[in-house]
Structures are given as structure tokens and as C-alpha cells.
């Protein structure tokens, strides 16, 4: 019987190539082991740091809780003065700034306000042409924002509200927001 081999001849690797592959494999294996050990060590250090952080936070919260219980609930006179100054009614600065911007023969007849700083102002002007410059001056002030004209009425000389001696005047109603602290602390039972 005849043996026919259709496979190509084997190419034998040289001994140098085999040794190189073995040394390279051993080097890669050693590198992986070193990286694994280093990663395990870093993980342990991270857990220790997290435990210390948790301990410090617990101590800080405990100290804060102790400090809070030591504080007296009765305010000192200085605290009372500070509270009054922080929550005092501050419409007067708004009034002064509006008065400075008023045209000649213009008056503010009514101011309605709420605790958020929104104000509705009603004023009377002798001339219609004075209204727009007055509103523009208020808009240019840093102290006021969102100045919006809501109503303009023409008043005649028979109106009881009119202070002028002219025949016609104009009543302007507008809203705006002031940056003044308008704290209103009213109790309904009192």
C-alpha cells in the first residue's frame, strides 16, 4: 500500500523562538500577578479610607448635635436687634427712589405691596407725556425690575381725587418688583 501525505511539511520552530515565547509568557504572567496584587492592595487602602471618613463624619455630626443642644432657645438682645433689622419693612427706600424719579406735578397716591417684593403703585400726572419717561427711569434703576404699566385713566377736573388745578390729569397704575426686603409677619389671631 502506498502512503500519500497531502499535508504540507511541518516547519519546526527554532529553539530560540520557543525560549522567547516561554520567557515572554512568563513575563506577562508575572506582570498580571503584580497588577492583581497591587489592585487588591489599593482596594484595601480605599476601604480603610472610607471607614475613616465615615468615622470622622459620625464624629462631626455628633459634635454638631452636641453644639445644637447647648444653644439656648431664648434670643439675646443682640439677636433680637439683628432679627428686626433683617426683617424690617423696607418700602421707604422704594418710596424715596420713586419720588426722585417723579416729574413735576406728579404724585403717588397709593402703594400696595406683598411680602415677595411685588408692588402695585397708583400715581397721578399732570401731562400724559410725563408717564413714559417716569416708567423708563424706574426701569433703568437697579433697585426695581419688571416695571409694567397696567392702566392709564384720564381724570377730569370734577374728580375728588385730583389735587391739580389743571383741567385734565392722568392716573397711572403700574406694577413692579423691588429688591427691598418686604417682610410681613402678621398673625391672623392677633
C-alpha atoms as a PDB file:
ATOM      1  CA  UNK A   1       0.000   0.000   0.000  1.00  0.00           C
ATOM      2  CA  UNK A   2       1.191   3.452  -0.784  1.00  0.00           C
ATOM      3  CA  UNK A   3       1.035   6.200   1.836  1.00  0.00           C
ATOM      4  CA  UNK A   4       0.196   9.602   0.307  1.00  0.00           C
ATOM      5  CA  UNK A   5       0.506  12.626   2.558  1.00  0.00           C
ATOM      6  CA  UNK A   6      -1.314  15.689   1.213  1.00  0.00           C
ATOM      7  CA  UNK A   7      -0.451  17.881   4.173  1.00  0.00           C
ATOM      8  CA  UNK A   8       2.371  20.386   3.839  1.00  0.00           C
ATOM      9  CA  UNK A   9       5.623  19.648   5.545  1.00  0.00           C
ATOM     10  CA  UNK A  10       5.959  20.750   9.135  1.00  0.00           C
ATOM     11  CA  UNK A  11       8.030  23.788   9.756  1.00  0.00           C
ATOM     12  CA  UNK A  12       9.816  23.375  13.008  1.00  0.00           C
ATOM     13  CA  UNK A  13      10.253  26.424  15.209  1.00  0.00           C
ATOM     14  CA  UNK A  14      13.748  27.223  16.251  1.00  0.00           C
ATOM     15  CA  UNK A  15      14.753  26.745  19.840  1.00  0.00           C
ATOM     16  CA  UNK A  16      15.375  30.493  20.238  1.00  0.00           C
ATOM     17  CA  UNK A  17      11.838  31.272  19.212  1.00  0.00           C
ATOM     18  CA  UNK A  18      10.445  28.735  21.693  1.00  0.00           C
ATOM     19  CA  UNK A  19      12.537  30.172  24.525  1.00  0.00           C
ATOM     20  CA  UNK A  20      11.485  33.683  23.601  1.00  0.00           C
ATOM     21  CA  UNK A  21       7.783  32.697  23.714  1.00  0.00           C
ATOM     22  CA  UNK A  22       8.257  30.976  27.101  1.00  0.00           C
ATOM     23  CA  UNK A  23      10.099  33.935  28.616  1.00  0.00           C
ATOM     24  CA  UNK A  24       7.582  36.408  27.164  1.00  0.00           C
ATOM     25  CA  UNK A  25       4.655  34.357  28.534  1.00  0.00           C
ATOM     26  CA  UNK A  26       6.317  34.135  31.961  1.00  0.00           C
ATOM     27  CA  UNK A  27       6.943  37.895  31.939  1.00  0.00           C
ATOM     28  CA  UNK A  28       3.276  38.631  31.032  1.00  0.00           C
ATOM     29  CA  UNK A  29       2.068  36.223  33.730  1.00  0.00           C
ATOM     30  CA  UNK A  30       4.326  37.879  36.315  1.00  0.00           C
ATOM     31  CA  UNK A  31       3.013  41.326  35.225  1.00  0.00           C
ATOM     32  CA  UNK A  32      -0.589  40.197  35.626  1.00  0.00           C
ATOM     33  CA  UNK A  33       0.149  38.784  39.078  1.00  0.00           C
ATOM     34  CA  UNK A  34       1.859  42.032  40.137  1.00  0.00           C
ATOM     35  CA  UNK A  35      -1.045  44.129  38.830  1.00  0.00           C
ATOM     36  CA  UNK A  36      -3.559  41.884  40.605  1.00  0.00           C
ATOM     37  CA  UNK A  37      -1.702  42.171  43.920  1.00  0.00           C
ATOM     38  CA  UNK A  38      -1.369  45.946  43.511  1.00  0.00           C
ATOM     39  CA  UNK A  39      -5.094  46.280  42.703  1.00  0.00           C
ATOM     40  CA  UNK A  40      -6.008  44.190  45.753  1.00  0.00           C
ATOM     41  CA  UNK A  41      -3.758  46.379  47.949  1.00  0.00           C
ATOM     42  CA  UNK A  42      -5.314  49.624  46.590  1.00  0.00           C
ATOM     43  CA  UNK A  43      -8.805  48.255  47.183  1.00  0.00           C
ATOM     44  CA  UNK A  44      -7.879  47.522  50.808  1.00  0.00           C
ATOM     45  CA  UNK A  45      -6.487  51.047  51.289  1.00  0.00           C
ATOM     46  CA  UNK A  46      -9.624  52.554  49.724  1.00  0.00           C
ATOM     47  CA  UNK A  47     -11.843  50.633  52.132  1.00  0.00           C
ATOM     48  CA  UNK A  48      -9.725  51.818  55.079  1.00  0.00           C
ATOM     49  CA  UNK A  49     -10.002  55.447  53.934  1.00  0.00           C
ATOM     50  CA  UNK A  50     -13.777  55.101  53.515  1.00  0.00           C
ATOM     51  CA  UNK A  51     -14.055  53.679  57.044  1.00  0.00           C
ATOM     52  CA  UNK A  52     -12.034  56.609  58.414  1.00  0.00           C
ATOM     53  CA  UNK A  53     -14.187  59.080  56.511  1.00  0.00           C
ATOM     54  CA  UNK A  54     -17.359  57.508  57.885  1.00  0.00           C
ATOM     55  CA  UNK A  55     -15.901  57.670  61.407  1.00  0.00           C
ATOM     56  CA  UNK A  56     -14.967  61.349  61.007  1.00  0.00           C
ATOM     57  CA  UNK A  57     -18.412  62.209  59.631  1.00  0.00           C
ATOM     58  CA  UNK A  58     -20.066  60.446  62.555  1.00  0.00           C
ATOM     59  CA  UNK A  59     -17.853  62.375  64.998  1.00  0.00           C
ATOM     60  CA  UNK A  60     -18.590  65.680  63.250  1.00  0.00           C
ATOM     61  CA  UNK A  61     -22.350  65.035  63.322  1.00  0.00           C
ATOM     62  CA  UNK A  62     -22.124  64.078  66.973  1.00  0.00           C
ATOM     63  CA  UNK A  63     -20.255  67.312  67.785  1.00  0.00           C
ATOM     64  CA  UNK A  64     -22.776  69.348  65.769  1.00  0.00           C
ATOM     65  CA  UNK A  65     -25.633  67.699  67.641  1.00  0.00           C
ATOM     66  CA  UNK A  66     -23.955  68.488  70.952  1.00  0.00           C
ATOM     67  CA  UNK A  67     -23.432  72.121  69.938  1.00  0.00           C
ATOM     68  CA  UNK A  68     -27.077  72.475  68.907  1.00  0.00           C
ATOM     69  CA  UNK A  69     -28.338  71.242  72.240  1.00  0.00           C
ATOM     70  CA  UNK A  70     -26.100  73.719  74.077  1.00  0.00           C
ATOM     71  CA  UNK A  71     -27.596  76.714  72.235  1.00  0.00           C
ATOM     72  CA  UNK A  72     -30.254  78.492  74.223  1.00  0.00           C
ATOM     73  CA  UNK A  73     -33.642  78.937  72.587  1.00  0.00           C
ATOM     74  CA  UNK A  74     -34.049  82.324  74.254  1.00  0.00           C
ATOM     75  CA  UNK A  75     -32.643  85.004  71.943  1.00  0.00           C
ATOM     76  CA  UNK A  76     -30.192  87.530  73.263  1.00  0.00           C
ATOM     77  CA  UNK A  77     -30.911  91.238  72.811  1.00  0.00           C
ATOM     78  CA  UNK A  78     -28.337  91.375  70.003  1.00  0.00           C
ATOM     79  CA  UNK A  79     -30.102  88.510  68.230  1.00  0.00           C
ATOM     80  CA  UNK A  80     -33.423  90.309  68.586  1.00  0.00           C
ATOM     81  CA  UNK A  81     -31.989  93.523  67.101  1.00  0.00           C
ATOM     82  CA  UNK A  82     -30.456  91.584  64.192  1.00  0.00           C
ATOM     83  CA  UNK A  83     -33.763  89.834  63.504  1.00  0.00           C
ATOM     84  CA  UNK A  84     -35.631  93.132  63.486  1.00  0.00           C
ATOM     85  CA  UNK A  85     -33.099  94.702  61.116  1.00  0.00           C
ATOM     86  CA  UNK A  86     -33.188  91.726  58.769  1.00  0.00           C
ATOM     87  CA  UNK A  87     -36.976  91.527  58.643  1.00  0.00           C
ATOM     88  CA  UNK A  88     -37.863  95.203  58.849  1.00  0.00           C
ATOM     89  CA  UNK A  89     -40.209  96.749  56.442  1.00  0.00           C
ATOM     90  CA  UNK A  90     -38.239  98.357  53.605  1.00  0.00           C
ATOM     91  CA  UNK A  91     -40.797 100.145  51.440  1.00  0.00           C
ATOM     92  CA  UNK A  92     -39.373 103.525  52.425  1.00  0.00           C
ATOM     93  CA  UNK A  93     -36.251 103.165  50.218  1.00  0.00           C
ATOM     94  CA  UNK A  94     -38.545 102.231  47.317  1.00  0.00           C
ATOM     95  CA  UNK A  95     -40.726 105.252  48.015  1.00  0.00           C
ATOM     96  CA  UNK A  96     -37.727 107.600  48.113  1.00  0.00           C
ATOM     97  CA  UNK A  97     -36.379 106.295  44.794  1.00  0.00           C
ATOM     98  CA  UNK A  98     -39.783 106.644  43.149  1.00  0.00           C
ATOM     99  CA  UNK A  99     -40.203 110.188  44.499  1.00  0.00           C
ATOM    100  CA  UNK A 100     -36.833 111.164  42.991  1.00  0.00           C
ATOM    101  CA  UNK A 101     -37.984 109.979  39.552  1.00  0.00           C
ATOM    102  CA  UNK A 102     -41.392 111.686  39.654  1.00  0.00           C
ATOM    103  CA  UNK A 103     -41.938 114.534  37.195  1.00  0.00           C
ATOM    104  CA  UNK A 104     -43.036 117.980  38.345  1.00  0.00           C
ATOM    105  CA  UNK A 105     -46.704 117.940  39.470  1.00  0.00           C
ATOM    106  CA  UNK A 106     -46.679 114.138  39.721  1.00  0.00           C
ATOM    107  CA  UNK A 107     -47.766 112.343  42.889  1.00  0.00           C
ATOM    108  CA  UNK A 108     -48.008 108.767  44.070  1.00  0.00           C
ATOM    109  CA  UNK A 109     -51.423 108.194  45.605  1.00  0.00           C
ATOM    110  CA  UNK A 110     -51.356 104.505  46.537  1.00  0.00           C
ATOM    111  CA  UNK A 111     -48.862 101.666  47.051  1.00  0.00           C
ATOM    112  CA  UNK A 112     -49.964  98.073  47.541  1.00  0.00           C
ATOM    113  CA  UNK A 113     -47.285  95.502  48.289  1.00  0.00           C
ATOM    114  CA  UNK A 114     -46.818  91.896  49.311  1.00  0.00           C
ATOM    115  CA  UNK A 115     -44.077  90.010  51.131  1.00  0.00           C
ATOM    116  CA  UNK A 116     -42.350  88.875  47.920  1.00  0.00           C
ATOM    117  CA  UNK A 117     -41.475  92.403  46.772  1.00  0.00           C
ATOM    118  CA  UNK A 118     -44.279  92.829  44.222  1.00  0.00           C
ATOM    119  CA  UNK A 119     -45.787  96.309  44.335  1.00  0.00           C
ATOM    120  CA  UNK A 120     -48.761  97.953  42.642  1.00  0.00           C
ATOM    121  CA  UNK A 121     -48.455 101.724  42.519  1.00  0.00           C
ATOM    122  CA  UNK A 122     -51.054 104.298  41.528  1.00  0.00           C
ATOM    123  CA  UNK A 123     -49.974 107.830  40.692  1.00  0.00           C
ATOM    124  CA  UNK A 124     -51.348 110.992  39.146  1.00  0.00           C
ATOM    125  CA  UNK A 125     -49.613 113.020  36.473  1.00  0.00           C
ATOM    126  CA  UNK A 126     -50.464 116.410  35.027  1.00  0.00           C
ATOM    127  CA  UNK A 127     -49.346 115.544  31.484  1.00  0.00           C
ATOM    128  CA  UNK A 128     -49.615 112.325  29.516  1.00  0.00           C
ATOM    129  CA  UNK A 129     -46.098 112.896  28.129  1.00  0.00           C
ATOM    130  CA  UNK A 130     -44.649 112.577  31.670  1.00  0.00           C
ATOM    131  CA  UNK A 131     -45.760 108.954  32.090  1.00  0.00           C
ATOM    132  CA  UNK A 132     -43.394 107.179  29.680  1.00  0.00           C
ATOM    133  CA  UNK A 133     -40.173 108.931  30.883  1.00  0.00           C
ATOM    134  CA  UNK A 134     -41.125 108.195  34.501  1.00  0.00           C
ATOM    135  CA  UNK A 135     -41.623 104.470  33.751  1.00  0.00           C
ATOM    136  CA  UNK A 136     -38.351 104.349  31.774  1.00  0.00           C
ATOM    137  CA  UNK A 137     -36.429 105.955  34.659  1.00  0.00           C
ATOM    138  CA  UNK A 138     -37.804 103.315  37.043  1.00  0.00           C
ATOM    139  CA  UNK A 139     -36.826 100.533  34.627  1.00  0.00           C
ATOM    140  CA  UNK A 140     -33.262 101.845  34.489  1.00  0.00           C
ATOM    141  CA  UNK A 141     -32.924 101.687  38.284  1.00  0.00           C
ATOM    142  CA  UNK A 142     -31.158  98.530  39.530  1.00  0.00           C
ATOM    143  CA  UNK A 143     -33.437  98.552  42.554  1.00  0.00           C
ATOM    144  CA  UNK A 144     -36.617  97.826  40.538  1.00  0.00           C
ATOM    145  CA  UNK A 145     -37.392  95.122  37.999  1.00  0.00           C
ATOM    146  CA  UNK A 146     -40.367  94.045  35.905  1.00  0.00           C
ATOM    147  CA  UNK A 147     -41.918  97.544  35.766  1.00  0.00           C
ATOM    148  CA  UNK A 148     -45.158  97.109  33.781  1.00  0.00           C
ATOM    149  CA  UNK A 149     -47.846  99.716  33.090  1.00  0.00           C
ATOM    150  CA  UNK A 150     -51.248  98.141  33.745  1.00  0.00           C
ATOM    151  CA  UNK A 151     -53.731 101.030  33.436  1.00  0.00           C
ATOM    152  CA  UNK A 152     -53.873 104.715  32.458  1.00  0.00           C
ATOM    153  CA  UNK A 153     -57.054 106.691  33.153  1.00  0.00           C
ATOM    154  CA  UNK A 154     -57.805 110.270  32.214  1.00  0.00           C
ATOM    155  CA  UNK A 155     -59.210 112.258  35.139  1.00  0.00           C
ATOM    156  CA  UNK A 156     -61.246 115.403  34.695  1.00  0.00           C
ATOM    157  CA  UNK A 157     -61.483 118.423  36.983  1.00  0.00           C
ATOM    158  CA  UNK A 158     -64.649 117.121  38.660  1.00  0.00           C
ATOM    159  CA  UNK A 159     -62.796 114.213  40.236  1.00  0.00           C
ATOM    160  CA  UNK A 160     -62.445 114.453  44.020  1.00  0.00           C
ATOM    161  CA  UNK A 161     -59.115 112.637  43.933  1.00  0.00           C
ATOM    162  CA  UNK A 162     -57.480 115.267  41.746  1.00  0.00           C
ATOM    163  CA  UNK A 163     -55.097 117.610  43.524  1.00  0.00           C
ATOM    164  CA  UNK A 164     -54.195 119.713  40.496  1.00  0.00           C
ATOM    165  CA  UNK A 165     -55.716 122.894  39.279  1.00  0.00           C
ATOM    166  CA  UNK A 166     -55.373 121.844  35.619  1.00  0.00           C
ATOM    167  CA  UNK A 167     -58.434 120.744  33.699  1.00  0.00           C
ATOM    168  CA  UNK A 168     -57.177 117.235  32.865  1.00  0.00           C
ATOM    169  CA  UNK A 169     -54.821 114.819  34.560  1.00  0.00           C
ATOM    170  CA  UNK A 170     -53.870 111.176  34.144  1.00  0.00           C
ATOM    171  CA  UNK A 171     -53.990 108.394  36.672  1.00  0.00           C
ATOM    172  CA  UNK A 172     -51.363 105.694  36.124  1.00  0.00           C
ATOM    173  CA  UNK A 173     -51.384 102.238  37.687  1.00  0.00           C
ATOM    174  CA  UNK A 174     -48.313 100.040  37.294  1.00  0.00           C
ATOM    175  CA  UNK A 175     -46.736  97.015  38.882  1.00  0.00           C
ATOM    176  CA  UNK A 176     -43.105  96.338  39.612  1.00  0.00           C
ATOM    177  CA  UNK A 177     -40.831  94.195  41.706  1.00  0.00           C
ATOM    178  CA  UNK A 178     -38.435  95.744  44.180  1.00  0.00           C
ATOM    179  CA  UNK A 179     -35.336  94.149  45.617  1.00  0.00           C
ATOM    180  CA  UNK A 180     -36.213  95.566  49.020  1.00  0.00           C
ATOM    181  CA  UNK A 181     -36.840  93.062  51.795  1.00  0.00           C
ATOM    182  CA  UNK A 182     -40.582  93.347  52.372  1.00  0.00           C
ATOM    183  CA  UNK A 183     -41.094  91.032  55.291  1.00  0.00           C
ATOM    184  CA  UNK A 184     -44.675  90.975  56.505  1.00  0.00           C
ATOM    185  CA  UNK A 185     -45.126  88.802  59.580  1.00  0.00           C
ATOM    186  CA  UNK A 186     -48.740  89.268  60.597  1.00  0.00           C
ATOM    187  CA  UNK A 187     -50.625  86.752  62.704  1.00  0.00           C
ATOM    188  CA  UNK A 188     -54.331  86.442  61.925  1.00  0.00           C
ATOM    189  CA  UNK A 189     -55.293  85.700  65.555  1.00  0.00           C
ATOM    190  CA  UNK A 190     -53.853  88.952  66.922  1.00  0.00           C
END
